[in-house]
Amino acid sequence: MDDAWPPLPFADWRETCETLHLWSQIVGKVRLMQSPWTNHSWHVTLYVTPRGLTTSPIPHGTRSFSIDFDLIDHRLIVESSDGGVRTLPLRAQPVAEFYAAVMAILDDLDLPVRIHTTPNEIPDAIPFEQDRQHAAYDPVAVARFRQVLIEIDRVFKTFRARFIGKCSPVHFFWGSFDMAVSRFSGRPAPPHSGGVPNMPDWVAREAYSHEVSSAGFWPGNASFPEPVFYSYAYPEPAGYRDVRVQPAAARFDRGLGEFVLPYEAVRSSARPDDTLLAFLQSTYEAAADRGQWDRAALETSVPHVA
């Protein structure tokens, strides 16, 4: 694909995006059930690869396995540490069929896993085994999405390298279907109110147990049908939403309670990397400065390799 930052209008691939979101939840829940709990739910996330998304190794007794979305050849790959490999074509198919096929593959590899089948963070969610409504798969749109993730992963990792305080990996949350990277001040935060659809309140409270400035990318959904970069602070310090951040296309969305920057503003800019980094840096500074973080102790310059 010649375009490193391809167009990704949500309306063009809405049905595929919604189906892929649910497929990612099935795979992500497998990792959730088998992995030791890690703070802020970092044990459940997926990671970008050159070909798509991966769980990374998942423990299963004395063995391990991984599940990869290969979004170039459009297949799901399950590999076990004793050499077992199974694949599943990614094509137009109902969520219920995809769920049954994934569970059958795991059983065939003697890696049985049982998951809670109600999707998380989705209102009016349909259990996976009953969902024949979501069944779309447009490989061209998925290829564009993969390319977008690769570029974002690269820029987010550059941004992450500037921080030596507690910071998340650059990872993909299947619950909300977004890329994210989060920086922490090191101080505890007030208890979160919870209220996330189909997610226990205690999970949200643990995720937001400490002061955080979080940024990410979201491809959109039915209620907000536009791909955007976002940035928010928890707790939100006084004056935060009134800060003028970069670039000029960024704004504070009061409905979301976050700064947002349209993906289109990044991809159409003369220097997309610099445009995105300006948004990440300026929104972080808004949170850190208004929240009186110890920036001198938390930040570092990025070393240059000779």
C-alpha atoms as a PDB file:
ATOM      1  CA  MET A   1       0.000   0.000   0.000  1.00  0.00           C
ATOM      2  CA  ASP A   2       1.569   3.260  -1.165  1.00  0.00           C
ATOM      3  CA  ASP A   3      -0.296   5.490   1.280  1.00  0.00           C
ATOM      4  CA  ALA A   4       1.320   5.183   4.720  1.00  0.00           C
ATOM      5  CA  TRP A   5      -1.631   6.991   6.315  1.00  0.00           C
ATOM      6  CA  PRO A   6      -4.616   5.753   4.274  1.00  0.00           C
ATOM      7  CA  PRO A   7      -8.140   7.161   4.559  1.00  0.00           C
ATOM      8  CA  LEU A   8     -10.317   5.380   7.087  1.00  0.00           C
ATOM      9  CA  PRO A   9     -13.825   6.922   7.063  1.00  0.00           C
ATOM     10  CA  PHE A  10     -15.938   5.024   9.573  1.00  0.00           C
ATOM     11  CA  ALA A  11     -19.022   4.996   7.344  1.00  0.00           C
ATOM     12  CA  ASP A  12     -17.143   3.034   4.664  1.00  0.00           C
ATOM     13  CA  TRP A  13     -16.389   0.090   6.938  1.00  0.00           C
ATOM     14  CA  ARG A  14     -18.801   0.410   9.861  1.00  0.00           C
ATOM     15  CA  GLU A  15     -20.187  -3.130   9.641  1.00  0.00           C
ATOM     16  CA  THR A  16     -16.722  -4.660   9.249  1.00  0.00           C
ATOM     17  CA  CYS A  17     -15.349  -2.565  12.112  1.00  0.00           C
ATOM     18  CA  GLU A  18     -18.148  -3.682  14.414  1.00  0.00           C
ATOM     19  CA  THR A  19     -17.619  -7.346  13.502  1.00  0.00           C
ATOM     20  CA  LEU A  20     -13.835  -7.167  13.885  1.00  0.00           C
ATOM     21  CA  HIS A  21     -14.318  -5.462  17.258  1.00  0.00           C
ATOM     22  CA  LEU A  22     -16.370  -8.423  18.487  1.00  0.00           C
ATOM     23  CA  TRP A  23     -13.902 -10.956  17.086  1.00  0.00           C
ATOM     24  CA  SER A  24     -11.110  -9.154  18.933  1.00  0.00           C
ATOM     25  CA  GLN A  25     -13.130  -9.404  22.155  1.00  0.00           C
ATOM     26  CA  ILE A  26     -13.334 -13.185  21.792  1.00  0.00           C
ATOM     27  CA  VAL A  27      -9.575 -13.454  21.360  1.00  0.00           C
ATOM     28  CA  GLY A  28      -8.895 -10.873  24.070  1.00  0.00           C
ATOM     29  CA  LYS A  29     -11.095 -12.690  26.566  1.00  0.00           C
ATOM     30  CA  VAL A  30      -9.071 -15.846  26.001  1.00  0.00           C
ATOM     31  CA  ARG A  31      -5.963 -13.933  27.038  1.00  0.00           C
ATOM     32  CA  LEU A  32      -7.872 -12.429  29.986  1.00  0.00           C
ATOM     33  CA  MET A  33      -8.914 -15.835  31.333  1.00  0.00           C
ATOM     34  CA  GLN A  34      -5.433 -17.374  31.098  1.00  0.00           C
ATOM     35  CA  SER A  35      -3.161 -14.497  32.163  1.00  0.00           C
ATOM     36  CA  PRO A  36      -2.224 -13.380  35.682  1.00  0.00           C
ATOM     37  CA  TRP A  37      -3.898 -10.113  36.623  1.00  0.00           C
ATOM     38  CA  THR A  38      -1.702  -7.102  35.905  1.00  0.00           C
ATOM     39  CA  ASN A  39      -2.417  -3.580  37.109  1.00  0.00           C
ATOM     40  CA  HIS A  40      -4.720  -1.420  34.966  1.00  0.00           C
ATOM     41  CA  SER A  41      -5.804  -4.533  33.001  1.00  0.00           C
ATOM     42  CA  TRP A  42      -2.554  -4.551  31.043  1.00  0.00           C
ATOM     43  CA  HIS A  43      -2.735  -8.367  30.960  1.00  0.00           C
ATOM     44  CA  VAL A  44      -5.717  -8.361  28.583  1.00  0.00           C
ATOM     45  CA  THR A  45      -4.447  -6.189  25.734  1.00  0.00           C
ATOM     46  CA  LEU A  46      -3.375  -6.988  22.180  1.00  0.00           C
ATOM     47  CA  TYR A  47      -0.257  -5.652  20.430  1.00  0.00           C
ATOM     48  CA  VAL A  48       0.439  -4.460  16.907  1.00  0.00           C
ATOM     49  CA  THR A  49       2.582  -6.682  14.673  1.00  0.00           C
ATOM     50  CA  PRO A  50       3.744  -6.113  11.084  1.00  0.00           C
ATOM     51  CA  ARG A  51       0.808  -8.276   9.987  1.00  0.00           C
ATOM     52  CA  GLY A  52      -1.925  -7.194  12.389  1.00  0.00           C
ATOM     53  CA  LEU A  53      -2.525  -7.888  16.072  1.00  0.00           C
ATOM     54  CA  THR A  54      -1.303 -10.488  18.548  1.00  0.00           C
ATOM     55  CA  THR A  55      -2.041 -11.638  22.076  1.00  0.00           C
ATOM     56  CA  SER A  56       1.668 -12.349  22.690  1.00  0.00           C
ATOM     57  CA  PRO A  57       2.338 -15.653  24.569  1.00  0.00           C
ATOM     58  CA  ILE A  58      -0.522 -16.829  26.806  1.00  0.00           C
ATOM     59  CA  PRO A  59       0.205 -19.352  29.583  1.00  0.00           C
ATOM     60  CA  HIS A  60      -1.701 -22.649  29.696  1.00  0.00           C
ATOM     61  CA  GLY A  61      -0.288 -24.924  32.368  1.00  0.00           C
ATOM     62  CA  THR A  62       3.306 -25.759  31.404  1.00  0.00           C
ATOM     63  CA  ARG A  63       2.635 -24.736  27.791  1.00  0.00           C
ATOM     64  CA  SER A  64       1.891 -21.440  26.128  1.00  0.00           C
ATOM     65  CA  PHE A  65       0.133 -20.302  22.995  1.00  0.00           C
ATOM     66  CA  SER A  66      -0.579 -17.155  21.005  1.00  0.00           C
ATOM     67  CA  ILE A  67      -3.413 -15.964  18.793  1.00  0.00           C
ATOM     68  CA  ASP A  68      -2.657 -13.601  15.914  1.00  0.00           C
ATOM     69  CA  PHE A  69      -4.864 -11.644  13.564  1.00  0.00           C
ATOM     70  CA  ASP A  70      -2.998 -11.805  10.249  1.00  0.00           C
ATOM     71  CA  LEU A  71      -4.615  -8.888   8.436  1.00  0.00           C
ATOM     72  CA  ILE A  72      -2.482  -9.313   5.311  1.00  0.00           C
ATOM     73  CA  ASP A  73      -3.453 -12.892   4.420  1.00  0.00           C
ATOM     74  CA  HIS A  74      -6.698 -12.496   6.402  1.00  0.00           C
ATOM     75  CA  ARG A  75      -6.505 -15.421   8.742  1.00  0.00           C
ATOM     76  CA  LEU A  76      -6.426 -16.100  12.472  1.00  0.00           C
ATOM     77  CA  ILE A  77      -3.357 -18.080  13.561  1.00  0.00           C
ATOM     78  CA  VAL A  78      -3.192 -20.076  16.796  1.00  0.00           C
ATOM     79  CA  GLU A  79       0.257 -21.432  17.686  1.00  0.00           C
ATOM     80  CA  SER A  80       1.244 -23.507  20.703  1.00  0.00           C
ATOM     81  CA  SER A  81       4.660 -23.867  22.326  1.00  0.00           C
ATOM     82  CA  ASP A  82       4.820 -27.567  21.417  1.00  0.00           C
ATOM     83  CA  GLY A  83       4.544 -26.845  17.699  1.00  0.00           C
ATOM     84  CA  GLY A  84       0.821 -26.970  17.102  1.00  0.00           C
ATOM     85  CA  VAL A  85      -0.534 -24.540  14.505  1.00  0.00           C
ATOM     86  CA  ARG A  86      -4.106 -23.965  13.386  1.00  0.00           C
ATOM     87  CA  THR A  87      -5.525 -21.273  11.129  1.00  0.00           C
ATOM     88  CA  LEU A  88      -8.982 -19.853  10.558  1.00  0.00           C
ATOM     89  CA  PRO A  89      -9.832 -17.771   7.465  1.00  0.00           C
ATOM     90  CA  LEU A  90     -11.021 -14.249   8.195  1.00  0.00           C
ATOM     91  CA  ARG A  91     -14.010 -13.758   5.939  1.00  0.00           C
ATOM     92  CA  ALA A  92     -17.610 -12.633   6.159  1.00  0.00           C
ATOM     93  CA  GLN A  93     -19.080 -14.861   8.881  1.00  0.00           C
ATOM     94  CA  PRO A  94     -21.308 -14.320  11.919  1.00  0.00           C
ATOM     95  CA  VAL A  95     -19.713 -13.737  15.293  1.00  0.00           C
ATOM     96  CA  ALA A  96     -21.353 -16.948  16.515  1.00  0.00           C
ATOM     97  CA  GLU A  97     -19.518 -19.007  13.871  1.00  0.00           C
ATOM     98  CA  PHE A  98     -16.192 -17.291  14.565  1.00  0.00           C
ATOM     99  CA  TYR A  99     -16.601 -17.918  18.301  1.00  0.00           C
ATOM    100  CA  ALA A 100     -17.408 -21.600  17.785  1.00  0.00           C
ATOM    101  CA  ALA A 101     -14.438 -22.036  15.427  1.00  0.00           C
ATOM    102  CA  VAL A 102     -11.965 -20.404  17.831  1.00  0.00           C
ATOM    103  CA  MET A 103     -13.137 -22.542  20.746  1.00  0.00           C
ATOM    104  CA  ALA A 104     -12.916 -25.669  18.564  1.00  0.00           C
ATOM    105  CA  ILE A 105      -9.335 -24.832  17.555  1.00  0.00           C
ATOM    106  CA  LEU A 106      -8.306 -24.389  21.189  1.00  0.00           C
ATOM    107  CA  ASP A 107      -9.917 -27.699  22.129  1.00  0.00           C
ATOM    108  CA  ASP A 108      -8.219 -29.418  19.180  1.00  0.00           C
ATOM    109  CA  LEU A 109      -4.835 -28.160  20.402  1.00  0.00           C
ATOM    110  CA  ASP A 110      -5.647 -29.405  23.930  1.00  0.00           C
ATOM    111  CA  LEU A 111      -5.783 -25.780  25.105  1.00  0.00           C
ATOM    112  CA  PRO A 112      -9.350 -25.542  26.409  1.00  0.00           C
ATOM    113  CA  VAL A 113     -10.446 -22.090  27.577  1.00  0.00           C
ATOM    114  CA  ARG A 114     -13.870 -20.982  28.696  1.00  0.00           C
ATOM    115  CA  ILE A 115     -14.742 -17.285  28.533  1.00  0.00           C
ATOM    116  CA  HIS A 116     -17.592 -15.024  29.611  1.00  0.00           C
ATOM    117  CA  THR A 117     -19.422 -14.623  26.318  1.00  0.00           C
ATOM    118  CA  THR A 118     -21.118 -11.248  26.829  1.00  0.00           C
ATOM    119  CA  PRO A 119     -19.080  -8.500  25.080  1.00  0.00           C
ATOM    120  CA  ASN A 120     -17.649  -5.778  27.322  1.00  0.00           C
ATOM    121  CA  GLU A 121     -18.062  -2.005  27.026  1.00  0.00           C
ATOM    122  CA  ILE A 122     -20.851  -2.356  24.442  1.00  0.00           C
ATOM    123  CA  PRO A 123     -24.451  -1.360  25.243  1.00  0.00           C
ATOM    124  CA  ASP A 124     -27.138  -3.974  24.507  1.00  0.00           C
ATOM    125  CA  ALA A 125     -24.451  -6.575  23.868  1.00  0.00           C
ATOM    126  CA  ILE A 126     -25.376  -9.903  22.269  1.00  0.00           C
ATOM    127  CA  PRO A 127     -23.588 -13.008  23.662  1.00  0.00           C
ATOM    128  CA  PHE A 128     -21.071 -14.290  21.135  1.00  0.00           C
ATOM    129  CA  GLU A 129     -22.712 -17.666  20.647  1.00  0.00           C
ATOM    130  CA  GLN A 130     -26.014 -15.961  19.782  1.00  0.00           C
ATOM    131  CA  ASP A 131     -24.722 -13.174  17.545  1.00  0.00           C
ATOM    132  CA  ARG A 132     -25.566 -13.772  13.915  1.00  0.00           C
ATOM    133  CA  GLN A 133     -26.187 -10.073  13.322  1.00  0.00           C
ATOM    134  CA  HIS A 134     -22.541  -9.004  12.952  1.00  0.00           C
ATOM    135  CA  ALA A 135     -21.042 -10.874  10.006  1.00  0.00           C
ATOM    136  CA  ALA A 136     -19.252  -8.402   7.697  1.00  0.00           C
ATOM    137  CA  TYR A 137     -15.634  -8.516   6.546  1.00  0.00           C
ATOM    138  CA  ASP A 138     -14.191  -6.154   3.937  1.00  0.00           C
ATOM    139  CA  PRO A 139     -10.517  -7.152   3.429  1.00  0.00           C
ATOM    140  CA  VAL A 140      -9.622  -3.862   1.727  1.00  0.00           C
ATOM    141  CA  ALA A 141     -10.904  -1.806   4.664  1.00  0.00           C
ATOM    142  CA  VAL A 142      -9.197  -4.156   7.121  1.00  0.00           C
ATOM    143  CA  ALA A 143      -5.900  -3.729   5.239  1.00  0.00           C
ATOM    144  CA  ARG A 144      -6.220   0.043   5.609  1.00  0.00           C
ATOM    145  CA  PHE A 145      -6.908  -0.349   9.316  1.00  0.00           C
ATOM    146  CA  ARG A 146      -3.806  -2.516   9.735  1.00  0.00           C
ATOM    147  CA  GLN A 147      -1.664   0.127   8.033  1.00  0.00           C
ATOM    148  CA  VAL A 148      -3.109   2.840  10.270  1.00  0.00           C
ATOM    149  CA  LEU A 149      -2.281   0.792  13.378  1.00  0.00           C
ATOM    150  CA  ILE A 150       1.306   0.297  12.230  1.00  0.00           C
ATOM    151  CA  GLU A 151       1.872   4.041  11.791  1.00  0.00           C
ATOM    152  CA  ILE A 152       0.204   4.921  15.082  1.00  0.00           C
ATOM    153  CA  ASP A 153       2.113   2.237  16.991  1.00  0.00           C
ATOM    154  CA  ARG A 154       5.380   3.678  15.688  1.00  0.00           C
ATOM    155  CA  VAL A 155       4.567   7.283  16.659  1.00  0.00           C
ATOM    156  CA  PHE A 156       3.086   6.336  20.031  1.00  0.00           C
ATOM    157  CA  LYS A 157       6.287   4.452  20.892  1.00  0.00           C
ATOM    158  CA  THR A 158       8.330   7.561  20.081  1.00  0.00           C
ATOM    159  CA  PHE A 159       6.101   9.521  22.473  1.00  0.00           C
ATOM    160  CA  ARG A 160       6.369   6.841  25.159  1.00  0.00           C
ATOM    161  CA  ALA A 161      10.175   6.922  24.994  1.00  0.00           C
ATOM    162  CA  ARG A 162      10.172  10.486  26.342  1.00  0.00           C
ATOM    163  CA  PHE A 163       8.854   9.380  29.752  1.00  0.00           C
ATOM    164  CA  ILE A 164      10.713   7.501  32.494  1.00  0.00           C
ATOM    165  CA  GLY A 165       7.915   7.476  35.045  1.00  0.00           C
ATOM    166  CA  LYS A 166       5.330   4.718  35.228  1.00  0.00           C
ATOM    167  CA  CYS A 167       3.910   4.294  31.720  1.00  0.00           C
ATOM    168  CA  SER A 168       1.841   1.660  29.966  1.00  0.00           C
ATOM    169  CA  PRO A 169       3.046  -0.227  26.912  1.00  0.00           C
ATOM    170  CA  VAL A 170       1.579   0.905  23.625  1.00  0.00           C
ATOM    171  CA  HIS A 171      -1.272  -1.549  23.394  1.00  0.00           C
ATOM    172  CA  PHE A 172      -4.676  -2.258  21.888  1.00  0.00           C
ATOM    173  CA  PHE A 173      -7.711  -2.546  24.153  1.00  0.00           C
ATOM    174  CA  TRP A 174     -10.303  -4.877  22.641  1.00  0.00           C
ATOM    175  CA  GLY A 175     -13.022  -3.682  25.036  1.00  0.00           C
ATOM    176  CA  SER A 176     -13.180  -0.194  23.550  1.00  0.00           C
ATOM    177  CA  PHE A 177     -11.344  -1.188  20.340  1.00  0.00           C
ATOM    178  CA  ASP A 178      -8.652   1.474  20.618  1.00  0.00           C
ATOM    179  CA  MET A 179      -4.905   1.966  20.737  1.00  0.00           C
ATOM    180  CA  ALA A 180      -3.628   3.589  23.938  1.00  0.00           C
ATOM    181  CA  VAL A 181      -0.574   4.730  25.862  1.00  0.00           C
ATOM    182  CA  SER A 182      -0.886   6.080  29.416  1.00  0.00           C
ATOM    183  CA  ARG A 183       1.476   8.097  31.618  1.00  0.00           C
ATOM    184  CA  PHE A 184       1.142   8.273  35.404  1.00  0.00           C
ATOM    185  CA  SER A 185       2.156  10.936  37.922  1.00  0.00           C
ATOM    186  CA  GLY A 186       2.821   8.349  40.634  1.00  0.00           C
ATOM    187  CA  ARG A 187       0.115   9.704  42.934  1.00  0.00           C
ATOM    188  CA  PRO A 188      -3.129   7.882  43.825  1.00  0.00           C
ATOM    189  CA  ALA A 189      -6.392   9.127  42.312  1.00  0.00           C
ATOM    190  CA  PRO A 190      -9.871   9.395  43.822  1.00  0.00           C
ATOM    191  CA  PRO A 191     -12.099   6.344  43.251  1.00  0.00           C
ATOM    192  CA  HIS A 192     -13.554   6.190  39.753  1.00  0.00           C
ATOM    193  CA  SER A 193     -17.343   6.252  39.488  1.00  0.00           C
ATOM    194  CA  GLY A 194     -17.481   3.255  37.140  1.00  0.00           C
ATOM    195  CA  GLY A 195     -20.588   2.961  34.993  1.00  0.00           C
ATOM    196  CA  VAL A 196     -18.913   1.468  31.888  1.00  0.00           C
ATOM    197  CA  PRO A 197     -21.416  -0.776  30.011  1.00  0.00           C
ATOM    198  CA  ASN A 198     -20.921  -4.492  30.723  1.00  0.00           C
ATOM    199  CA  MET A 199     -17.799  -3.948  32.825  1.00  0.00           C
ATOM    200  CA  PRO A 200     -17.636  -4.333  36.619  1.00  0.00           C
ATOM    201  CA  ASP A 201     -17.117  -1.038  38.441  1.00  0.00           C
ATOM    202  CA  TRP A 202     -14.169  -2.474  40.369  1.00  0.00           C
ATOM    203  CA  VAL A 203     -12.285  -2.973  37.079  1.00  0.00           C
ATOM    204  CA  ALA A 204     -12.682   0.722  36.219  1.00  0.00           C
ATOM    205  CA  ARG A 205     -11.647   1.746  39.752  1.00  0.00           C
ATOM    206  CA  GLU A 206      -8.492  -0.351  39.571  1.00  0.00           C
ATOM    207  CA  ALA A 207      -7.712   0.944  36.065  1.00  0.00           C
ATOM    208  CA  TYR A 208      -7.931   4.539  37.286  1.00  0.00           C
ATOM    209  CA  SER A 209      -6.398   3.992  40.717  1.00  0.00           C
ATOM    210  CA  HIS A 210      -3.620   6.527  40.026  1.00  0.00           C
ATOM    211  CA  GLU A 211      -3.429   9.913  38.327  1.00  0.00           C
ATOM    212  CA  VAL A 212      -3.093   9.398  34.604  1.00  0.00           C
ATOM    213  CA  SER A 213      -2.761  11.207  31.308  1.00  0.00           C
ATOM    214  CA  SER A 214      -3.873   8.812  28.594  1.00  0.00           C
ATOM    215  CA  ALA A 215      -3.820   9.177  24.824  1.00  0.00           C
ATOM    216  CA  GLY A 216      -4.995   6.907  22.064  1.00  0.00           C
ATOM    217  CA  PHE A 217      -6.664   6.280  18.738  1.00  0.00           C
ATOM    218  CA  TRP A 218     -10.250   5.207  18.189  1.00  0.00           C
ATOM    219  CA  PRO A 219     -11.666   4.264  14.760  1.00  0.00           C
ATOM    220  CA  GLY A 220     -15.192   5.391  15.700  1.00  0.00           C
ATOM    221  CA  ASN A 221     -18.528   3.771  16.466  1.00  0.00           C
ATOM    222  CA  ALA A 222     -22.224   4.344  15.829  1.00  0.00           C
ATOM    223  CA  SER A 223     -22.504   7.135  18.405  1.00  0.00           C
ATOM    224  CA  PHE A 224     -19.282   8.907  17.351  1.00  0.00           C
ATOM    225  CA  PRO A 225     -18.757   7.909  13.698  1.00  0.00           C
ATOM    226  CA  GLU A 226     -15.338   9.439  13.088  1.00  0.00           C
ATOM    227  CA  PRO A 227     -11.795   8.120  13.624  1.00  0.00           C
ATOM    228  CA  VAL A 228      -9.993  10.342  16.119  1.00  0.00           C
ATOM    229  CA  PHE A 229      -6.984  10.589  18.324  1.00  0.00           C
ATOM    230  CA  TYR A 230      -7.937  11.363  21.904  1.00  0.00           C
ATOM    231  CA  SER A 231      -6.336  12.469  25.151  1.00  0.00           C
ATOM    232  CA  TYR A 232      -7.781  12.791  28.643  1.00  0.00           C
ATOM    233  CA  ALA A 233      -6.685  13.157  32.252  1.00  0.00           C
ATOM    234  CA  TYR A 234      -8.044  11.406  35.328  1.00  0.00           C
ATOM    235  CA  PRO A 235      -8.781  13.115  37.577  1.00  0.00           C
ATOM    236  CA  GLU A 236      -9.287  16.137  35.336  1.00  0.00           C
ATOM    237  CA  PRO A 237      -7.348  19.055  36.879  1.00  0.00           C
ATOM    238  CA  ALA A 238      -8.834  22.546  37.084  1.00  0.00           C
ATOM    239  CA  GLY A 239      -8.458  24.495  33.857  1.00  0.00           C
ATOM    240  CA  TYR A 240      -7.458  21.432  31.820  1.00  0.00           C
ATOM    241  CA  ARG A 241     -10.253  21.577  29.243  1.00  0.00           C
ATOM    242  CA  ASP A 242      -9.620  25.261  28.575  1.00  0.00           C
ATOM    243  CA  VAL A 243      -5.982  24.824  27.525  1.00  0.00           C
ATOM    244  CA  ARG A 244      -5.268  25.573  23.865  1.00  0.00           C
ATOM    245  CA  VAL A 245      -3.462  22.495  22.553  1.00  0.00           C
ATOM    246  CA  GLN A 246      -1.797  21.676  19.241  1.00  0.00           C
ATOM    247  CA  PRO A 247      -2.489  21.400  16.355  1.00  0.00           C
ATOM    248  CA  ALA A 248      -5.239  23.901  15.551  1.00  0.00           C
ATOM    249  CA  ALA A 249      -7.609  21.102  14.474  1.00  0.00           C
ATOM    250  CA  ALA A 250      -7.648  19.662  18.025  1.00  0.00           C
ATOM    251  CA  ARG A 251     -10.520  20.511  20.348  1.00  0.00           C
ATOM    252  CA  PHE A 252     -11.955  19.540  23.714  1.00  0.00           C
ATOM    253  CA  ASP A 253     -15.128  17.507  23.222  1.00  0.00           C
ATOM    254  CA  ARG A 254     -17.335  18.139  26.240  1.00  0.00           C
ATOM    255  CA  GLY A 255     -19.542  15.155  25.465  1.00  0.00           C
ATOM    256  CA  LEU A 256     -16.601  12.769  25.603  1.00  0.00           C
ATOM    257  CA  GLY A 257     -14.678  14.751  28.231  1.00  0.00           C
ATOM    258  CA  GLU A 258     -11.524  14.440  26.131  1.00  0.00           C
ATOM    259  CA  PHE A 259      -9.363  16.345  23.702  1.00  0.00           C
ATOM    260  CA  VAL A 260      -9.847  14.958  20.209  1.00  0.00           C
ATOM    261  CA  LEU A 261      -7.963  15.339  16.950  1.00  0.00           C
ATOM    262  CA  PRO A 262      -9.544  13.961  13.764  1.00  0.00           C
ATOM    263  CA  TYR A 263      -7.488  11.231  12.122  1.00  0.00           C
ATOM    264  CA  GLU A 264      -8.042  13.008   8.811  1.00  0.00           C
ATOM    265  CA  ALA A 265      -6.227  16.105  10.157  1.00  0.00           C
ATOM    266  CA  VAL A 266      -3.156  13.961  10.827  1.00  0.00           C
ATOM    267  CA  ARG A 267      -3.120  11.948   7.595  1.00  0.00           C
ATOM    268  CA  SER A 268      -3.673  15.047   5.438  1.00  0.00           C
ATOM    269  CA  SER A 269      -0.985  17.147   7.133  1.00  0.00           C
ATOM    270  CA  ALA A 270       2.409  17.732   5.504  1.00  0.00           C
ATOM    271  CA  ARG A 271       4.169  15.926   8.380  1.00  0.00           C
ATOM    272  CA  PRO A 272       1.764  13.451  10.013  1.00  0.00           C
ATOM    273  CA  ASP A 273       4.269  12.230  12.615  1.00  0.00           C
ATOM    274  CA  ASP A 274       4.990  15.765  13.844  1.00  0.00           C
ATOM    275  CA  THR A 275       1.296  16.673  13.850  1.00  0.00           C
ATOM    276  CA  LEU A 276       0.401  13.656  15.982  1.00  0.00           C
ATOM    277  CA  LEU A 277       3.360  14.129  18.333  1.00  0.00           C
ATOM    278  CA  ALA A 278       2.366  17.772  18.851  1.00  0.00           C
ATOM    279  CA  PHE A 279      -1.099  16.636  19.935  1.00  0.00           C
ATOM    280  CA  LEU A 280       0.260  13.955  22.269  1.00  0.00           C
ATOM    281  CA  GLN A 281       2.817  16.278  23.851  1.00  0.00           C
ATOM    282  CA  SER A 282       0.612  19.341  24.257  1.00  0.00           C
ATOM    283  CA  THR A 283      -2.297  17.420  25.784  1.00  0.00           C
ATOM    284  CA  TYR A 284       0.066  15.630  28.176  1.00  0.00           C
ATOM    285  CA  GLU A 285       1.563  18.984  29.200  1.00  0.00           C
ATOM    286  CA  ALA A 286      -1.930  20.338  29.827  1.00  0.00           C
ATOM    287  CA  ALA A 287      -2.576  17.464  32.257  1.00  0.00           C
ATOM    288  CA  ALA A 288       0.865  17.501  33.875  1.00  0.00           C
ATOM    289  CA  ASP A 289       1.106  21.265  34.310  1.00  0.00           C
ATOM    290  CA  ARG A 290      -2.453  21.749  35.572  1.00  0.00           C
ATOM    291  CA  GLY A 291      -2.094  18.692  37.785  1.00  0.00           C
ATOM    292  CA  GLN A 292       1.309  19.815  39.152  1.00  0.00           C
ATOM    293  CA  TRP A 293       3.160  16.683  38.173  1.00  0.00           C
ATOM    294  CA  ASP A 294       6.898  16.502  38.907  1.00  0.00           C
ATOM    295  CA  ARG A 295       7.818  16.711  35.238  1.00  0.00           C
ATOM    296  CA  ALA A 296      11.565  17.035  35.847  1.00  0.00           C
ATOM    297  CA  ALA A 297      11.601  13.643  37.554  1.00  0.00           C
ATOM    298  CA  LEU A 298       9.267  11.932  35.067  1.00  0.00           C
ATOM    299  CA  GLU A 299      10.548  13.007  31.641  1.00  0.00           C
ATOM    300  CA  THR A 300      13.663  12.306  29.624  1.00  0.00           C
ATOM    301  CA  SER A 301      15.093  13.299  26.282  1.00  0.00           C
ATOM    302  CA  VAL A 302      15.038  10.635  23.593  1.00  0.00           C
ATOM    303  CA  PRO A 303      18.543   9.249  22.927  1.00  0.00           C
ATOM    304  CA  HIS A 304      19.739   9.228  19.334  1.00  0.00           C
ATOM    305  CA  VAL A 305      21.395   6.121  17.928  1.00  0.00           C
ATOM    306  CA  ALA A 306      24.635   6.886  16.082  1.00  0.00           C
END
